[in-house]
Amino acid sequence: MNFERTKSVVNEMRAPSGLSAAGKKLWKKAVREVADAGLILTVNEEEWLASACKLTDQLEVLQAAMAEQPLWVRGSQGQPVPNGMLAEIRSHHHLIAQLLARIKLDLSDADAGSDSNLIRINRPNPQRAGALKRWRGAGA
């Protein structure tokens, strides 16, 4: 796909309103990756991406709050237990990965940190590849 077409697709797919910096960064990166691959997101895929971006924003808030909290707190019997926010952070990471996997996008291994959420297309989508082959010809 040529640069001008990619730029046009990226500009047409504006990030949903209300996203913070992290969510917007994920949205732009995902849309650019999809456009570079010559693909178009379906309505469902756009919704999954928007949800992943919103969760990414929430994850940033949770991680900032966790930075000020102890890793271990006292449980009901006085025993040390992991801070409950750790489970929420882990849950958000899992949900983001699930949503991006639905559109064949995934967090890259190098992007496991808090400033991460850069994505890459890492698994082929055989259904989409077959459709492109049918509609665009064997060279697609």
Protein backbone atom coordinates (compact mmCIF):
# COMPACT_ATOMS: atom_id res chain seq x y z
CA MET A 1 0.00 0.00 0.00
CA ASN A 2 1.41 3.38 -0.89
CA PHE A 3 2.19 6.02 1.70
CA GLU A 4 -0.53 8.46 0.63
CA ARG A 5 -3.23 5.77 0.82
CA THR A 6 -2.02 4.68 4.26
CA LYS A 7 -1.99 8.30 5.44
CA SER A 8 -5.54 8.76 4.13
CA VAL A 9 -6.85 5.65 5.90
CA VAL A 10 -5.16 6.64 9.16
CA ASN A 11 -6.63 10.15 8.98
CA GLU A 12 -10.12 8.82 8.19
CA MET A 13 -10.16 6.53 11.24
CA ARG A 14 -10.00 9.07 14.02
CA ALA A 15 -9.59 7.82 17.55
CA PRO A 16 -12.77 7.72 19.62
CA SER A 17 -13.36 10.79 21.75
CA GLY A 18 -12.42 10.65 25.40
CA LEU A 19 -9.20 8.68 24.99
CA SER A 20 -6.09 9.76 26.84
CA ALA A 21 -2.58 9.71 25.41
CA ALA A 22 -1.98 5.97 25.87
CA GLY A 23 -5.28 5.00 24.24
CA LYS A 24 -4.73 7.38 21.32
CA LYS A 25 -1.23 6.00 20.83
CA LEU A 26 -2.56 2.45 20.64
CA TRP A 27 -5.36 3.49 18.25
CA LYS A 28 -2.98 5.28 15.87
CA LYS A 29 -0.48 2.44 15.87
CA ALA A 30 -3.17 -0.18 15.25
CA VAL A 31 -4.83 1.76 12.45
CA ARG A 32 -1.46 2.39 10.80
CA GLU A 33 -0.51 -1.31 11.02
CA VAL A 34 -3.86 -2.37 9.55
CA ALA A 35 -3.62 0.22 6.76
CA ASP A 36 -0.03 -0.77 5.96
CA ALA A 37 -1.20 -4.38 5.59
CA GLY A 38 -3.85 -3.23 3.10
CA LEU A 39 -6.69 -4.25 5.38
CA ILE A 40 -9.81 -2.51 6.63
CA LEU A 41 -11.27 -3.02 10.09
CA THR A 42 -14.82 -4.33 10.32
CA VAL A 43 -17.30 -2.61 12.61
CA ASN A 44 -16.74 -5.30 15.26
CA GLU A 45 -12.98 -4.92 14.98
CA GLU A 46 -13.25 -1.15 15.39
CA GLU A 47 -15.29 -1.68 18.56
CA TRP A 48 -12.76 -4.18 19.91
CA LEU A 49 -9.94 -1.76 19.16
CA ALA A 50 -11.83 1.12 20.83
CA SER A 51 -12.38 -1.06 23.90
CA ALA A 52 -8.69 -2.02 23.98
CA CYS A 53 -7.77 1.67 23.82
CA LYS A 54 -10.12 2.55 26.69
CA LEU A 55 -8.71 -0.31 28.76
CA THR A 56 -5.20 0.93 27.95
CA ASP A 57 -6.11 4.32 29.40
CA GLN A 58 -7.54 2.66 32.51
CA LEU A 59 -4.39 0.55 32.80
CA GLU A 60 -2.26 3.70 32.85
CA VAL A 61 -4.34 5.06 35.74
CA LEU A 62 -4.09 1.78 37.65
CA GLN A 63 -0.33 1.58 37.16
CA ALA A 64 0.13 5.16 38.33
CA ALA A 65 -1.97 4.45 41.43
CA MET A 66 -0.10 1.21 42.09
CA ALA A 67 3.23 3.05 42.00
CA GLU A 68 2.19 4.74 45.24
CA GLN A 69 0.93 1.54 46.91
CA PRO A 70 2.75 -1.32 48.64
CA LEU A 71 3.02 -4.60 46.74
CA TRP A 72 1.96 -6.52 49.84
CA VAL A 73 -0.89 -5.71 52.24
CA ARG A 74 -2.29 -7.47 55.30
CA GLY A 75 -4.95 -10.09 54.67
CA SER A 76 -7.95 -10.87 56.86
CA GLN A 77 -5.84 -13.09 59.12
CA GLY A 78 -2.94 -10.63 59.24
CA GLN A 79 -0.96 -12.56 56.64
CA PRO A 80 0.80 -10.74 53.79
CA VAL A 81 -1.16 -10.91 50.52
CA PRO A 82 -0.53 -9.26 47.16
CA ASN A 83 -2.19 -5.87 46.70
CA GLY A 84 -5.53 -6.32 44.95
CA MET A 85 -4.61 -3.71 42.35
CA LEU A 86 -2.01 -6.13 40.96
CA ALA A 87 -4.83 -8.47 39.95
CA GLU A 88 -6.65 -5.60 38.26
CA ILE A 89 -3.53 -4.61 36.34
CA ARG A 90 -2.99 -8.21 35.24
CA SER A 91 -6.66 -8.45 34.24
CA HIS A 92 -6.42 -5.30 32.12
CA HIS A 93 -3.31 -6.64 30.35
CA HIS A 94 -5.15 -9.88 29.64
CA LEU A 95 -8.29 -8.15 28.33
CA ILE A 96 -6.28 -5.83 26.07
CA ALA A 97 -4.40 -8.80 24.62
CA GLN A 98 -7.68 -10.68 24.05
CA LEU A 99 -9.30 -7.76 22.25
CA LEU A 100 -6.29 -7.18 20.03
CA ALA A 101 -6.06 -10.92 19.28
CA ARG A 102 -9.62 -10.83 17.95
CA ILE A 103 -8.43 -8.53 15.20
CA LYS A 104 -5.14 -10.40 14.85
CA LEU A 105 -3.21 -7.69 16.66
CA ASP A 106 -1.19 -8.43 19.75
CA LEU A 107 1.11 -6.69 22.18
CA SER A 108 4.68 -7.32 21.12
CA ASP A 109 7.03 -9.04 23.56
CA ALA A 110 9.16 -5.91 23.85
CA ASP A 111 6.15 -3.86 24.88
CA ALA A 112 5.33 -5.48 28.20
CA GLY A 113 6.15 -2.34 30.20
CA SER A 114 3.84 0.46 31.27
CA ASP A 115 4.71 2.70 28.30
CA SER A 116 4.07 -0.17 25.96
CA ASN A 117 0.94 -1.01 24.08
CA LEU A 118 2.62 -0.77 20.72
CA ILE A 119 1.21 -3.46 18.54
CA ARG A 120 2.13 -5.51 15.57
CA ILE A 121 0.32 -7.95 13.36
CA ASN A 122 1.88 -11.19 14.50
CA ARG A 123 -0.43 -13.92 13.30
CA PRO A 124 -1.82 -14.41 9.82
CA ASN A 125 -5.56 -14.40 9.43
CA PRO A 126 -6.33 -17.24 7.00
CA GLN A 127 -9.96 -16.21 6.53
CA ARG A 128 -9.01 -12.67 5.61
CA ALA A 129 -6.19 -13.91 3.37
CA GLY A 130 -8.63 -16.19 1.54
CA ALA A 131 -11.11 -13.38 1.03
CA LEU A 132 -8.40 -11.08 -0.30
CA LYS A 133 -7.26 -13.82 -2.67
CA ARG A 134 -10.82 -14.35 -3.94
CA TRP A 135 -11.60 -10.67 -4.39
CA ARG A 136 -8.24 -9.26 -5.45
CA GLY A 137 -6.80 -12.22 -7.32
CA ALA A 138 -3.99 -14.66 -6.67
CA GLY A 139 -1.35 -11.94 -6.19
CA ALA A 140 -3.11 -10.35 -3.20
